[in-house]
Amino acid sequence: MARRRPAVLPVVFVMFAGVLFMRVGRVERTEGLSPAAIARDSPVRTTLDPNVAAWHELAHLPNIGPTLARRIVAYRTTAGRDAEGGPGAVFQTPSDLQQVRGIGPRTLARIGGFLHFPE
């Protein structure tokens, strides 16, 4: 009598494909949306100052994530010295964030409504 093997591999494959499809679908839904529409669905409910926000706060911004958030913090740490050698505000305007590798005009347009800068 032949033993039946459970169909585990096809079930795992279908589950993996479903998770991948949901993830890709979520990314595509933000394409073409206005910054206001993206902001409405974002977990960030207040504006952040990129000069003082922690990486885990920045990671919640649309299209940022942990890696890019850590790059922002690393950039402001190395470039953030004023004339007297003390800590200074690296990011004075939203366009200053484009100095960080990985942030271009499209990403800047998506996160601009979530940021505020020192005056």
PDB file of N, CA and C in Angstrom:
ATOM      1  N   MET A   1       0.824  -1.154   0.000  1.00  0.00           N
ATOM      2  CA  MET A   1       0.000   0.000   0.000  1.00  0.00           C
ATOM      3  C   MET A   1       0.897   1.257   0.000  1.00  0.00           C
ATOM      4  N   ALA A   2       0.640   2.153  -0.899  1.00  0.00           N
ATOM      5  CA  ALA A   2       1.444   3.362  -1.034  1.00  0.00           C
ATOM      6  C   ALA A   2       0.978   4.413  -0.029  1.00  0.00           C
ATOM      7  N   ARG A   3       1.952   5.075   0.565  1.00  0.00           N
ATOM      8  CA  ARG A   3       1.633   6.130   1.527  1.00  0.00           C
ATOM      9  C   ARG A   3       1.378   7.442   0.798  1.00  0.00           C
ATOM     10  N   ARG A   4       0.403   8.154   1.243  1.00  0.00           N
ATOM     11  CA  ARG A   4       0.115   9.464   0.655  1.00  0.00           C
ATOM     12  C   ARG A   4       0.931  10.519   1.389  1.00  0.00           C
ATOM     13  N   ARG A   5       1.559  11.355   0.643  1.00  0.00           N
ATOM     14  CA  ARG A   5       2.308  12.465   1.226  1.00  0.00           C
ATOM     15  C   ARG A   5       1.416  13.700   1.221  1.00  0.00           C
ATOM     16  N   PRO A   6       1.456  14.418   2.293  1.00  0.00           N
ATOM     17  CA  PRO A   6       0.623  15.628   2.317  1.00  0.00           C
ATOM     18  C   PRO A   6       1.122  16.648   1.289  1.00  0.00           C
ATOM     19  N   ALA A   7       0.235  17.404   0.793  1.00  0.00           N
ATOM     20  CA  ALA A   7       0.559  18.413  -0.219  1.00  0.00           C
ATOM     21  C   ALA A   7       1.016  19.701   0.460  1.00  0.00           C
ATOM     22  N   VAL A   8       2.095  19.622   1.202  1.00  0.00           N
ATOM     23  CA  VAL A   8       2.588  20.775   1.947  1.00  0.00           C
ATOM     24  C   VAL A   8       3.253  21.787   1.026  1.00  0.00           C
ATOM     25  N   LEU A   9       4.059  21.322   0.109  1.00  0.00           N
ATOM     26  CA  LEU A   9       4.792  22.226  -0.763  1.00  0.00           C
ATOM     27  C   LEU A   9       3.862  23.116  -1.591  1.00  0.00           C
ATOM     28  N   PRO A  10       2.836  22.572  -2.240  1.00  0.00           N
ATOM     29  CA  PRO A  10       1.936  23.474  -2.978  1.00  0.00           C
ATOM     30  C   PRO A  10       1.216  24.469  -2.067  1.00  0.00           C
ATOM     31  N   VAL A  11       0.868  24.078  -0.870  1.00  0.00           N
ATOM     32  CA  VAL A  11       0.187  24.981   0.053  1.00  0.00           C
ATOM     33  C   VAL A  11       1.119  26.117   0.455  1.00  0.00           C
ATOM     34  N   VAL A  12       2.377  25.804   0.755  1.00  0.00           N
ATOM     35  CA  VAL A  12       3.348  26.827   1.125  1.00  0.00           C
ATOM     36  C   VAL A  12       3.581  27.780  -0.048  1.00  0.00           C
ATOM     37  N   PHE A  13       3.662  27.231  -1.258  1.00  0.00           N
ATOM     38  CA  PHE A  13       3.864  28.065  -2.444  1.00  0.00           C
ATOM     39  C   PHE A  13       2.701  29.031  -2.643  1.00  0.00           C
ATOM     40  N   VAL A  14       1.484  28.555  -2.488  1.00  0.00           N
ATOM     41  CA  VAL A  14       0.307  29.399  -2.660  1.00  0.00           C
ATOM     42  C   VAL A  14       0.282  30.499  -1.597  1.00  0.00           C
ATOM     43  N   MET A  15       0.645  30.167  -0.366  1.00  0.00           N
ATOM     44  CA  MET A  15       0.675  31.172   0.694  1.00  0.00           C
ATOM     45  C   MET A  15       1.725  32.233   0.394  1.00  0.00           C
ATOM     46  N   PHE A  16       2.910  31.809  -0.045  1.00  0.00           N
ATOM     47  CA  PHE A  16       3.981  32.738  -0.375  1.00  0.00           C
ATOM     48  C   PHE A  16       3.562  33.662  -1.524  1.00  0.00           C
ATOM     49  N   ALA A  17       2.955  33.088  -2.554  1.00  0.00           N
ATOM     50  CA  ALA A  17       2.503  33.881  -3.696  1.00  0.00           C
ATOM     51  C   ALA A  17       1.445  34.891  -3.260  1.00  0.00           C
ATOM     52  N   GLY A  18       0.557  34.509  -2.353  1.00  0.00           N
ATOM     53  CA  GLY A  18      -0.473  35.422  -1.868  1.00  0.00           C
ATOM     54  C   GLY A  18       0.120  36.598  -1.104  1.00  0.00           C
ATOM     55  N   VAL A  19       1.093  36.312  -0.242  1.00  0.00           N
ATOM     56  CA  VAL A  19       1.746  37.386   0.522  1.00  0.00           C
ATOM     57  C   VAL A  19       2.499  38.316  -0.430  1.00  0.00           C
ATOM     58  N   LEU A  20       3.198  37.760  -1.390  1.00  0.00           N
ATOM     59  CA  LEU A  20       3.931  38.567  -2.361  1.00  0.00           C
ATOM     60  C   LEU A  20       2.977  39.439  -3.163  1.00  0.00           C
ATOM     61  N   PHE A  21       1.853  38.884  -3.585  1.00  0.00           N
ATOM     62  CA  PHE A  21       0.864  39.644  -4.348  1.00  0.00           C
ATOM     63  C   PHE A  21       0.297  40.790  -3.520  1.00  0.00           C
ATOM     64  N   MET A  22       0.000  40.542  -2.253  1.00  0.00           N
ATOM     65  CA  MET A  22      -0.540  41.602  -1.396  1.00  0.00           C
ATOM     66  C   MET A  22       0.478  42.717  -1.215  1.00  0.00           C
ATOM     67  N   ARG A  23       1.746  42.359  -1.055  1.00  0.00           N
ATOM     68  CA  ARG A  23       2.788  43.360  -0.845  1.00  0.00           C
ATOM     69  C   ARG A  23       2.982  44.205  -2.099  1.00  0.00           C
ATOM     70  N   VAL A  24       3.033  43.584  -3.263  1.00  0.00           N
ATOM     71  CA  VAL A  24       3.202  44.321  -4.513  1.00  0.00           C
ATOM     72  C   VAL A  24       1.988  45.203  -4.753  1.00  0.00           C
ATOM     73  N   GLY A  25       0.812  44.712  -4.469  1.00  0.00           N
ATOM     74  CA  GLY A  25      -0.403  45.489  -4.655  1.00  0.00           C
ATOM     75  C   GLY A  25      -0.417  46.729  -3.783  1.00  0.00           C
ATOM     76  N   ARG A  26       0.112  46.614  -2.567  1.00  0.00           N
ATOM     77  CA  ARG A  26       0.143  47.757  -1.668  1.00  0.00           C
ATOM     78  C   ARG A  26       1.080  48.838  -2.191  1.00  0.00           C
ATOM     79  N   VAL A  27       2.211  48.443  -2.763  1.00  0.00           N
ATOM     80  CA  VAL A  27       3.153  49.417  -3.300  1.00  0.00           C
ATOM     81  C   VAL A  27       2.543  50.120  -4.502  1.00  0.00           C
ATOM     82  N   GLU A  28       1.871  49.377  -5.373  1.00  0.00           N
ATOM     83  CA  GLU A  28       1.302  49.969  -6.580  1.00  0.00           C
ATOM     84  C   GLU A  28       0.157  50.915  -6.257  1.00  0.00           C
ATOM     85  N   ARG A  29      -0.549  50.701  -5.174  1.00  0.00           N
ATOM     86  CA  ARG A  29      -1.677  51.565  -4.844  1.00  0.00           C
ATOM     87  C   ARG A  29      -1.234  52.985  -4.544  1.00  0.00           C
ATOM     88  N   THR A  30       0.003  53.180  -4.102  1.00  0.00           N
ATOM     89  CA  THR A  30       0.458  54.542  -3.804  1.00  0.00           C
ATOM     90  C   THR A  30       0.937  55.264  -5.053  1.00  0.00           C
ATOM     91  N   GLU A  31       1.197  54.531  -6.144  1.00  0.00           N
ATOM     92  CA  GLU A  31       1.644  55.176  -7.371  1.00  0.00           C
ATOM     93  C   GLU A  31       0.540  56.063  -7.916  1.00  0.00           C
ATOM     94  N   GLY A  32       0.875  57.292  -8.233  1.00  0.00           N
ATOM     95  CA  GLY A  32      -0.072  58.205  -8.836  1.00  0.00           C
ATOM     96  C   GLY A  32      -0.991  58.910  -7.853  1.00  0.00           C
ATOM     97  N   LEU A  33      -0.887  58.589  -6.563  1.00  0.00           N
ATOM     98  CA  LEU A  33      -1.723  59.266  -5.577  1.00  0.00           C
ATOM     99  C   LEU A  33      -1.085  60.581  -5.168  1.00  0.00           C
ATOM    100  N   SER A  34      -1.910  61.504  -4.774  1.00  0.00           N
ATOM    101  CA  SER A  34      -1.401  62.790  -4.314  1.00  0.00           C
ATOM    102  C   SER A  34      -0.766  62.627  -2.935  1.00  0.00           C
ATOM    103  N   PRO A  35       0.135  63.531  -2.543  1.00  0.00           N
ATOM    104  CA  PRO A  35       0.714  63.460  -1.204  1.00  0.00           C
ATOM    105  C   PRO A  35      -0.347  63.505  -0.105  1.00  0.00           C
ATOM    106  N   ALA A  36      -1.442  64.225  -0.343  1.00  0.00           N
ATOM    107  CA  ALA A  36      -2.510  64.297   0.663  1.00  0.00           C
ATOM    108  C   ALA A  36      -3.183  62.939   0.835  1.00  0.00           C
ATOM    109  N   ALA A  37      -3.371  62.216  -0.264  1.00  0.00           N
ATOM    110  CA  ALA A  37      -3.990  60.890  -0.189  1.00  0.00           C
ATOM    111  C   ALA A  37      -3.063  59.899   0.505  1.00  0.00           C
ATOM    112  N   ILE A  38      -1.784  59.990   0.246  1.00  0.00           N
ATOM    113  CA  ILE A  38      -0.824  59.110   0.914  1.00  0.00           C
ATOM    114  C   ILE A  38      -0.775  59.446   2.400  1.00  0.00           C
ATOM    115  N   ALA A  39      -0.803  60.729   2.733  1.00  0.00           N
ATOM    116  CA  ALA A  39      -0.755  61.158   4.128  1.00  0.00           C
ATOM    117  C   ALA A  39      -1.953  60.641   4.905  1.00  0.00           C
ATOM    118  N   ARG A  40      -3.096  60.573   4.259  1.00  0.00           N
ATOM    119  CA  ARG A  40      -4.296  60.106   4.920  1.00  0.00           C
ATOM    120  C   ARG A  40      -4.151  58.656   5.383  1.00  0.00           C
ATOM    121  N   ASP A  41      -3.417  57.838   4.623  1.00  0.00           N
ATOM    122  CA  ASP A  41      -3.254  56.424   4.941  1.00  0.00           C
ATOM    123  C   ASP A  41      -1.992  56.120   5.739  1.00  0.00           C
ATOM    124  N   SER A  42      -1.195  57.125   6.034  1.00  0.00           N
ATOM    125  CA  SER A  42       0.079  56.907   6.705  1.00  0.00           C
ATOM    126  C   SER A  42      -0.095  56.819   8.219  1.00  0.00           C
ATOM    127  N   PRO A  43       0.775  56.025   8.900  1.00  0.00           N
ATOM    128  CA  PRO A  43       0.720  55.971  10.354  1.00  0.00           C
ATOM    129  C   PRO A  43       1.273  57.223  11.023  1.00  0.00           C
ATOM    130  N   VAL A  44       1.947  58.094  10.275  1.00  0.00           N
ATOM    131  CA  VAL A  44       2.500  59.320  10.837  1.00  0.00           C
ATOM    132  C   VAL A  44       1.373  60.342  10.948  1.00  0.00           C
ATOM    133  N   ARG A  45       1.095  60.822  12.153  1.00  0.00           N
ATOM    134  CA  ARG A  45      -0.016  61.740  12.370  1.00  0.00           C
ATOM    135  C   ARG A  45       0.440  63.158  12.705  1.00  0.00           C
ATOM    136  N   THR A  46       1.713  63.361  12.931  1.00  0.00           N
ATOM    137  CA  THR A  46       2.240  64.693  13.195  1.00  0.00           C
ATOM    138  C   THR A  46       3.389  64.943  12.236  1.00  0.00           C
ATOM    139  N   THR A  47       3.863  66.170  12.192  1.00  0.00           N
ATOM    140  CA  THR A  47       5.018  66.450  11.352  1.00  0.00           C
ATOM    141  C   THR A  47       6.291  66.216  12.151  1.00  0.00           C
ATOM    142  N   LEU A  48       7.326  65.842  11.450  1.00  0.00           N
ATOM    143  CA  LEU A  48       8.617  65.539  12.071  1.00  0.00           C
ATOM    144  C   LEU A  48       9.661  66.530  11.603  1.00  0.00           C
ATOM    145  N   ASP A  49      10.580  66.864  12.492  1.00  0.00           N
ATOM    146  CA  ASP A  49      11.760  67.636  12.126  1.00  0.00           C
ATOM    147  C   ASP A  49      12.860  66.625  11.825  1.00  0.00           C
ATOM    148  N   PRO A  50      13.301  66.529  10.573  1.00  0.00           N
ATOM    149  CA  PRO A  50      14.315  65.530  10.238  1.00  0.00           C
ATOM    150  C   PRO A  50      15.666  65.787  10.898  1.00  0.00           C
ATOM    151  N   ASN A  51      15.834  66.948  11.506  1.00  0.00           N
ATOM    152  CA  ASN A  51      17.083  67.253  12.209  1.00  0.00           C
ATOM    153  C   ASN A  51      17.152  66.612  13.584  1.00  0.00           C
ATOM    154  N   VAL A  52      16.011  66.231  14.141  1.00  0.00           N
ATOM    155  CA  VAL A  52      16.007  65.670  15.495  1.00  0.00           C
ATOM    156  C   VAL A  52      15.227  64.354  15.607  1.00  0.00           C
ATOM    157  N   ALA A  53      14.452  63.991  14.604  1.00  0.00           N
ATOM    158  CA  ALA A  53      13.642  62.770  14.679  1.00  0.00           C
ATOM    159  C   ALA A  53      14.533  61.530  14.703  1.00  0.00           C
ATOM    160  N   ALA A  54      14.115  60.537  15.474  1.00  0.00           N
ATOM    161  CA  ALA A  54      14.828  59.262  15.542  1.00  0.00           C
ATOM    162  C   ALA A  54      14.558  58.468  14.268  1.00  0.00           C
ATOM    163  N   TRP A  55      15.447  57.532  13.963  1.00  0.00           N
ATOM    164  CA  TRP A  55      15.298  56.771  12.724  1.00  0.00           C
ATOM    165  C   TRP A  55      13.992  55.996  12.701  1.00  0.00           C
ATOM    166  N   HIS A  56      13.531  55.496  13.856  1.00  0.00           N
ATOM    167  CA  HIS A  56      12.306  54.698  13.849  1.00  0.00           C
ATOM    168  C   HIS A  56      11.079  55.568  13.607  1.00  0.00           C
ATOM    169  N   GLU A  57      11.167  56.866  13.902  1.00  0.00           N
ATOM    170  CA  GLU A  57      10.079  57.778  13.555  1.00  0.00           C
ATOM    171  C   GLU A  57      10.094  58.080  12.057  1.00  0.00           C
ATOM    172  N   LEU A  58      11.274  58.325  11.524  1.00  0.00           N
ATOM    173  CA  LEU A  58      11.404  58.606  10.093  1.00  0.00           C
ATOM    174  C   LEU A  58      11.024  57.400   9.241  1.00  0.00           C
ATOM    175  N   ALA A  59      11.209  56.203   9.772  1.00  0.00           N
ATOM    176  CA  ALA A  59      10.917  54.984   9.011  1.00  0.00           C
ATOM    177  C   ALA A  59       9.438  54.836   8.693  1.00  0.00           C
ATOM    178  N   HIS A  60       8.565  55.528   9.415  1.00  0.00           N
ATOM    179  CA  HIS A  60       7.127  55.447   9.158  1.00  0.00           C
ATOM    180  C   HIS A  60       6.669  56.362   8.026  1.00  0.00           C
ATOM    181  N   LEU A  61       7.550  57.211   7.540  1.00  0.00           N
ATOM    182  CA  LEU A  61       7.184  58.092   6.432  1.00  0.00           C
ATOM    183  C   LEU A  61       7.002  57.267   5.159  1.00  0.00           C
ATOM    184  N   PRO A  62       6.128  57.714   4.243  1.00  0.00           N
ATOM    185  CA  PRO A  62       5.906  56.960   3.003  1.00  0.00           C
ATOM    186  C   PRO A  62       7.192  56.799   2.203  1.00  0.00           C
ATOM    187  N   ASN A  63       7.464  55.597   1.762  1.00  0.00           N
ATOM    188  CA  ASN A  63       8.610  55.251   0.917  1.00  0.00           C
ATOM    189  C   ASN A  63       9.968  55.462   1.593  1.00  0.00           C
ATOM    190  N   ILE A  64      10.020  55.504   2.906  1.00  0.00           N
ATOM    191  CA  ILE A  64      11.304  55.680   3.581  1.00  0.00           C
ATOM    192  C   ILE A  64      11.810  54.336   4.112  1.00  0.00           C
ATOM    193  N   GLY A  65      11.196  53.785   5.110  1.00  0.00           N
ATOM    194  CA  GLY A  65      11.634  52.505   5.659  1.00  0.00           C
ATOM    195  C   GLY A  65      12.868  52.650   6.529  1.00  0.00           C
ATOM    196  N   PRO A  66      13.267  51.553   7.183  1.00  0.00           N
ATOM    197  CA  PRO A  66      14.378  51.604   8.146  1.00  0.00           C
ATOM    198  C   PRO A  66      15.733  51.960   7.534  1.00  0.00           C
ATOM    199  N   THR A  67      16.032  51.436   6.360  1.00  0.00           N
ATOM    200  CA  THR A  67      17.350  51.674   5.776  1.00  0.00           C
ATOM    201  C   THR A  67      17.545  53.139   5.421  1.00  0.00           C
ATOM    202  N   LEU A  68      16.589  53.723   4.739  1.00  0.00           N
ATOM    203  CA  LEU A  68      16.702  55.124   4.352  1.00  0.00           C
ATOM    204  C   LEU A  68      16.615  56.046   5.572  1.00  0.00           C
ATOM    205  N   ALA A  69      15.820  55.662   6.558  1.00  0.00           N
ATOM    206  CA  ALA A  69      15.741  56.455   7.789  1.00  0.00           C
ATOM    207  C   ALA A  69      17.090  56.482   8.491  1.00  0.00           C
ATOM    208  N   ARG A  70      17.779  55.364   8.515  1.00  0.00           N
ATOM    209  CA  ARG A  70      19.112  55.334   9.141  1.00  0.00           C
ATOM    210  C   ARG A  70      20.112  56.164   8.350  1.00  0.00           C
ATOM    211  N   ARG A  71      19.963  56.199   7.011  1.00  0.00           N
ATOM    212  CA  ARG A  71      20.844  57.041   6.198  1.00  0.00           C
ATOM    213  C   ARG A  71      20.640  58.518   6.513  1.00  0.00           C
ATOM    214  N   ILE A  72      19.378  58.914   6.729  1.00  0.00           N
ATOM    215  CA  ILE A  72      19.089  60.315   7.075  1.00  0.00           C
ATOM    216  C   ILE A  72      19.773  60.675   8.386  1.00  0.00           C
ATOM    217  N   VAL A  73      19.652  59.802   9.385  1.00  0.00           N
ATOM    218  CA  VAL A  73      20.263  60.057  10.687  1.00  0.00           C
ATOM    219  C   VAL A  73      21.783  60.072  10.564  1.00  0.00           C
ATOM    220  N   ALA A  74      22.346  59.141   9.804  1.00  0.00           N
ATOM    221  CA  ALA A  74      23.802  59.105   9.626  1.00  0.00           C
ATOM    222  C   ALA A  74      24.295  60.360   8.916  1.00  0.00           C
ATOM    223  N   TYR A  75      23.568  60.809   7.903  1.00  0.00           N
ATOM    224  CA  TYR A  75      23.972  62.016   7.179  1.00  0.00           C
ATOM    225  C   TYR A  75      23.946  63.234   8.093  1.00  0.00           C
ATOM    226  N   ARG A  76      22.872  63.382   8.842  1.00  0.00           N
ATOM    227  CA  ARG A  76      22.789  64.577   9.707  1.00  0.00           C
ATOM    228  C   ARG A  76      23.811  64.505  10.833  1.00  0.00           C
ATOM    229  N   THR A  77      24.218  63.317  11.243  1.00  0.00           N
ATOM    230  CA  THR A  77      25.232  63.182  12.285  1.00  0.00           C
ATOM    231  C   THR A  77      26.602  63.609  11.773  1.00  0.00           C
ATOM    232  N   THR A  78      26.939  63.218  10.538  1.00  0.00           N
ATOM    233  CA  THR A  78      28.260  63.566  10.005  1.00  0.00           C
ATOM    234  C   THR A  78      28.313  64.981   9.468  1.00  0.00           C
ATOM    235  N   ALA A  79      27.204  65.493   8.916  1.00  0.00           N
ATOM    236  CA  ALA A  79      27.211  66.828   8.312  1.00  0.00           C
ATOM    237  C   ALA A  79      26.669  67.903   9.245  1.00  0.00           C
ATOM    238  N   GLY A  80      26.193  67.519  10.412  1.00  0.00           N
ATOM    239  CA  GLY A  80      25.479  68.457  11.275  1.00  0.00           C
ATOM    240  C   GLY A  80      26.322  69.229  12.250  1.00  0.00           C
ATOM    241  N   ARG A  81      27.273  69.973  11.790  1.00  0.00           N
ATOM    242  CA  ARG A  81      28.074  70.829  12.669  1.00  0.00           C
ATOM    243  C   ARG A  81      27.961  72.268  12.185  1.00  0.00           C
ATOM    244  N   ASP A  82      27.739  73.175  13.111  1.00  0.00           N
ATOM    245  CA  ASP A  82      27.665  74.587  12.732  1.00  0.00           C
ATOM    246  C   ASP A  82      29.068  75.207  12.762  1.00  0.00           C
ATOM    247  N   ALA A  83      29.144  76.511  12.593  1.00  0.00           N
ATOM    248  CA  ALA A  83      30.438  77.203  12.499  1.00  0.00           C
ATOM    249  C   ALA A  83      31.276  77.060  13.758  1.00  0.00           C
ATOM    250  N   GLU A  84      30.629  76.954  14.932  1.00  0.00           N
ATOM    251  CA  GLU A  84      31.379  76.822  16.183  1.00  0.00           C
ATOM    252  C   GLU A  84      31.720  75.364  16.511  1.00  0.00           C
ATOM    253  N   GLY A  85      31.324  74.440  15.656  1.00  0.00           N
ATOM    254  CA  GLY A  85      31.610  73.033  15.911  1.00  0.00           C
ATOM    255  C   GLY A  85      30.525  72.317  16.680  1.00  0.00           C
ATOM    256  N   GLY A  86      29.469  73.015  17.070  1.00  0.00           N
ATOM    257  CA  GLY A  86      28.364  72.392  17.792  1.00  0.00           C
ATOM    258  C   GLY A  86      27.338  71.816  16.840  1.00  0.00           C
ATOM    259  N   PRO A  87      26.361  71.142  17.385  1.00  0.00           N
ATOM    260  CA  PRO A  87      25.343  70.564  16.509  1.00  0.00           C
ATOM    261  C   PRO A  87      24.511  71.663  15.852  1.00  0.00           C
ATOM    262  N   GLY A  88      24.276  71.498  14.582  1.00  0.00           N
ATOM    263  CA  GLY A  88      23.480  72.466  13.829  1.00  0.00           C
ATOM    264  C   GLY A  88      22.397  71.760  13.042  1.00  0.00           C
ATOM    265  N   ALA A  89      21.471  72.521  12.506  1.00  0.00           N
ATOM    266  CA  ALA A  89      20.401  71.961  11.698  1.00  0.00           C
ATOM    267  C   ALA A  89      20.929  71.735  10.285  1.00  0.00           C
ATOM    268  N   VAL A  90      21.034  70.486   9.904  1.00  0.00           N
ATOM    269  CA  VAL A  90      21.541  70.129   8.581  1.00  0.00           C
ATOM    270  C   VAL A  90      20.488  70.410   7.521  1.00  0.00           C
ATOM    271  N   PHE A  91      19.241  70.083   7.822  1.00  0.00           N
ATOM    272  CA  PHE A  91      18.160  70.199   6.857  1.00  0.00           C
ATOM    273  C   PHE A  91      17.371  71.478   7.149  1.00  0.00           C
ATOM    274  N   GLN A  92      17.580  72.493   6.327  1.00  0.00           N
ATOM    275  CA  GLN A  92      16.877  73.760   6.480  1.00  0.00           C
ATOM    276  C   GLN A  92      15.606  73.809   5.634  1.00  0.00           C
ATOM    277  N   THR A  93      15.618  73.110   4.501  1.00  0.00           N
ATOM    278  CA  THR A  93      14.480  73.061   3.584  1.00  0.00           C
ATOM    279  C   THR A  93      14.270  71.604   3.163  1.00  0.00           C
ATOM    280  N   PRO A  94      13.101  71.281   2.626  1.00  0.00           N
ATOM    281  CA  PRO A  94      12.883  69.904   2.175  1.00  0.00           C
ATOM    282  C   PRO A  94      13.900  69.451   1.132  1.00  0.00           C
ATOM    283  N   SER A  95      14.318  70.339   0.250  1.00  0.00           N
ATOM    284  CA  SER A  95      15.263  69.932  -0.800  1.00  0.00           C
ATOM    285  C   SER A  95      16.623  69.528  -0.241  1.00  0.00           C
ATOM    286  N   ASP A  96      16.953  69.954   0.976  1.00  0.00           N
ATOM    287  CA  ASP A  96      18.219  69.550   1.603  1.00  0.00           C
ATOM    288  C   ASP A  96      18.263  68.036   1.830  1.00  0.00           C
ATOM    289  N   LEU A  97      17.118  67.408   1.955  1.00  0.00           N
ATOM    290  CA  LEU A  97      17.086  65.957   2.155  1.00  0.00           C
ATOM    291  C   LEU A  97      17.572  65.188   0.929  1.00  0.00           C
ATOM    292  N   GLN A  98      17.606  65.837  -0.222  1.00  0.00           N
ATOM    293  CA  GLN A  98      18.083  65.164  -1.426  1.00  0.00           C
ATOM    294  C   GLN A  98      19.587  64.903  -1.388  1.00  0.00           C
ATOM    295  N   GLN A  99      20.269  65.434  -0.400  1.00  0.00           N
ATOM    296  CA  GLN A  99      21.689  65.134  -0.220  1.00  0.00           C
ATOM    297  C   GLN A  99      21.880  63.701   0.287  1.00  0.00           C
ATOM    298  N   VAL A 100      20.831  63.128   0.848  1.00  0.00           N
ATOM    299  CA  VAL A 100      20.890  61.755   1.362  1.00  0.00           C
ATOM    300  C   VAL A 100      20.676  60.797   0.192  1.00  0.00           C
ATOM    301  N   ARG A 101      21.583  59.842   0.053  1.00  0.00           N
ATOM    302  CA  ARG A 101      21.480  58.869  -1.034  1.00  0.00           C
ATOM    303  C   ARG A 101      20.170  58.096  -0.918  1.00  0.00           C
ATOM    304  N   GLY A 102      19.410  58.081  -2.007  1.00  0.00           N
ATOM    305  CA  GLY A 102      18.148  57.362  -2.036  1.00  0.00           C
ATOM    306  C   GLY A 102      16.925  58.255  -1.972  1.00  0.00           C
ATOM    307  N   ILE A 103      17.125  59.541  -1.713  1.00  0.00           N
ATOM    308  CA  ILE A 103      15.993  60.472  -1.680  1.00  0.00           C
ATOM    309  C   ILE A 103      16.076  61.363  -2.911  1.00  0.00           C
ATOM    310  N   GLY A 104      15.082  61.204  -3.765  1.00  0.00           N
ATOM    311  CA  GLY A 104      14.995  62.013  -4.981  1.00  0.00           C
ATOM    312  C   GLY A 104      13.746  62.868  -4.943  1.00  0.00           C
ATOM    313  N   PRO A 105      13.439  63.496  -6.056  1.00  0.00           N
ATOM    314  CA  PRO A 105      12.275  64.387  -6.107  1.00  0.00           C
ATOM    315  C   PRO A 105      10.945  63.677  -5.805  1.00  0.00           C
ATOM    316  N   ARG A 106      10.783  62.447  -6.277  1.00  0.00           N
ATOM    317  CA  ARG A 106       9.525  61.731  -6.046  1.00  0.00           C
ATOM    318  C   ARG A 106       9.345  61.392  -4.574  1.00  0.00           C
ATOM    319  N   THR A 107      10.386  60.897  -3.943  1.00  0.00           N
ATOM    320  CA  THR A 107      10.304  60.576  -2.520  1.00  0.00           C
ATOM    321  C   THR A 107      10.083  61.849  -1.716  1.00  0.00           C
ATOM    322  N   LEU A 108      10.775  62.894  -2.088  1.00  0.00           N
ATOM    323  CA  LEU A 108      10.628  64.172  -1.393  1.00  0.00           C
ATOM    324  C   LEU A 108       9.200  64.700  -1.501  1.00  0.00           C
ATOM    325  N   ALA A 109       8.587  64.529  -2.660  1.00  0.00           N
ATOM    326  CA  ALA A 109       7.201  64.976  -2.839  1.00  0.00           C
ATOM    327  C   ALA A 109       6.245  64.194  -1.941  1.00  0.00           C
ATOM    328  N   ARG A 110       6.544  62.931  -1.721  1.00  0.00           N
ATOM    329  CA  ARG A 110       5.670  62.097  -0.889  1.00  0.00           C
ATOM    330  C   ARG A 110       5.805  62.382   0.595  1.00  0.00           C
ATOM    331  N   ILE A 111       6.992  62.749   1.049  1.00  0.00           N
ATOM    332  CA  ILE A 111       7.188  62.940   2.484  1.00  0.00           C
ATOM    333  C   ILE A 111       7.122  64.400   2.915  1.00  0.00           C
ATOM    334  N   GLY A 112       7.105  65.319   1.957  1.00  0.00           N
ATOM    335  CA  GLY A 112       7.157  66.748   2.272  1.00  0.00           C
ATOM    336  C   GLY A 112       6.086  67.223   3.245  1.00  0.00           C
ATOM    337  N   GLY A 113       4.890  66.674   3.141  1.00  0.00           N
ATOM    338  CA  GLY A 113       3.804  67.104   4.023  1.00  0.00           C
ATOM    339  C   GLY A 113       3.939  66.616   5.444  1.00  0.00           C
ATOM    340  N   PHE A 114       4.852  65.709   5.689  1.00  0.00           N
ATOM    341  CA  PHE A 114       5.065  65.155   7.017  1.00  0.00           C
ATOM    342  C   PHE A 114       6.217  65.800   7.760  1.00  0.00           C
ATOM    343  N   LEU A 115       6.891  66.764   7.126  1.00  0.00           N
ATOM    344  CA  LEU A 115       8.108  67.342   7.700  1.00  0.00           C
ATOM    345  C   LEU A 115       7.922  68.822   8.027  1.00  0.00           C
ATOM    346  N   HIS A 116       8.619  69.274   9.053  1.00  0.00           N
ATOM    347  CA  HIS A 116       8.754  70.701   9.326  1.00  0.00           C
ATOM    348  C   HIS A 116      10.216  70.974   9.625  1.00  0.00           C
ATOM    349  N   PHE A 117      10.627  72.206   9.399  1.00  0.00           N
ATOM    350  CA  PHE A 117      12.024  72.588   9.484  1.00  0.00           C
ATOM    351  C   PHE A 117      12.195  73.794  10.395  1.00  0.00           C
ATOM    352  N   PRO A 118      13.380  73.937  11.008  1.00  0.00           N
ATOM    353  CA  PRO A 118      13.612  75.074  11.898  1.00  0.00           C
ATOM    354  C   PRO A 118      13.581  76.381  11.115  1.00  0.00           C
ATOM    355  N   GLU A 119      13.206  77.436  11.813  1.00  0.00           N
ATOM    356  CA  GLU A 119      13.139  78.751  11.153  1.00  0.00           C
ATOM    357  C   GLU A 119      14.349  79.579  11.449  1.00  0.00           C
TER     358      GLU A 119
END
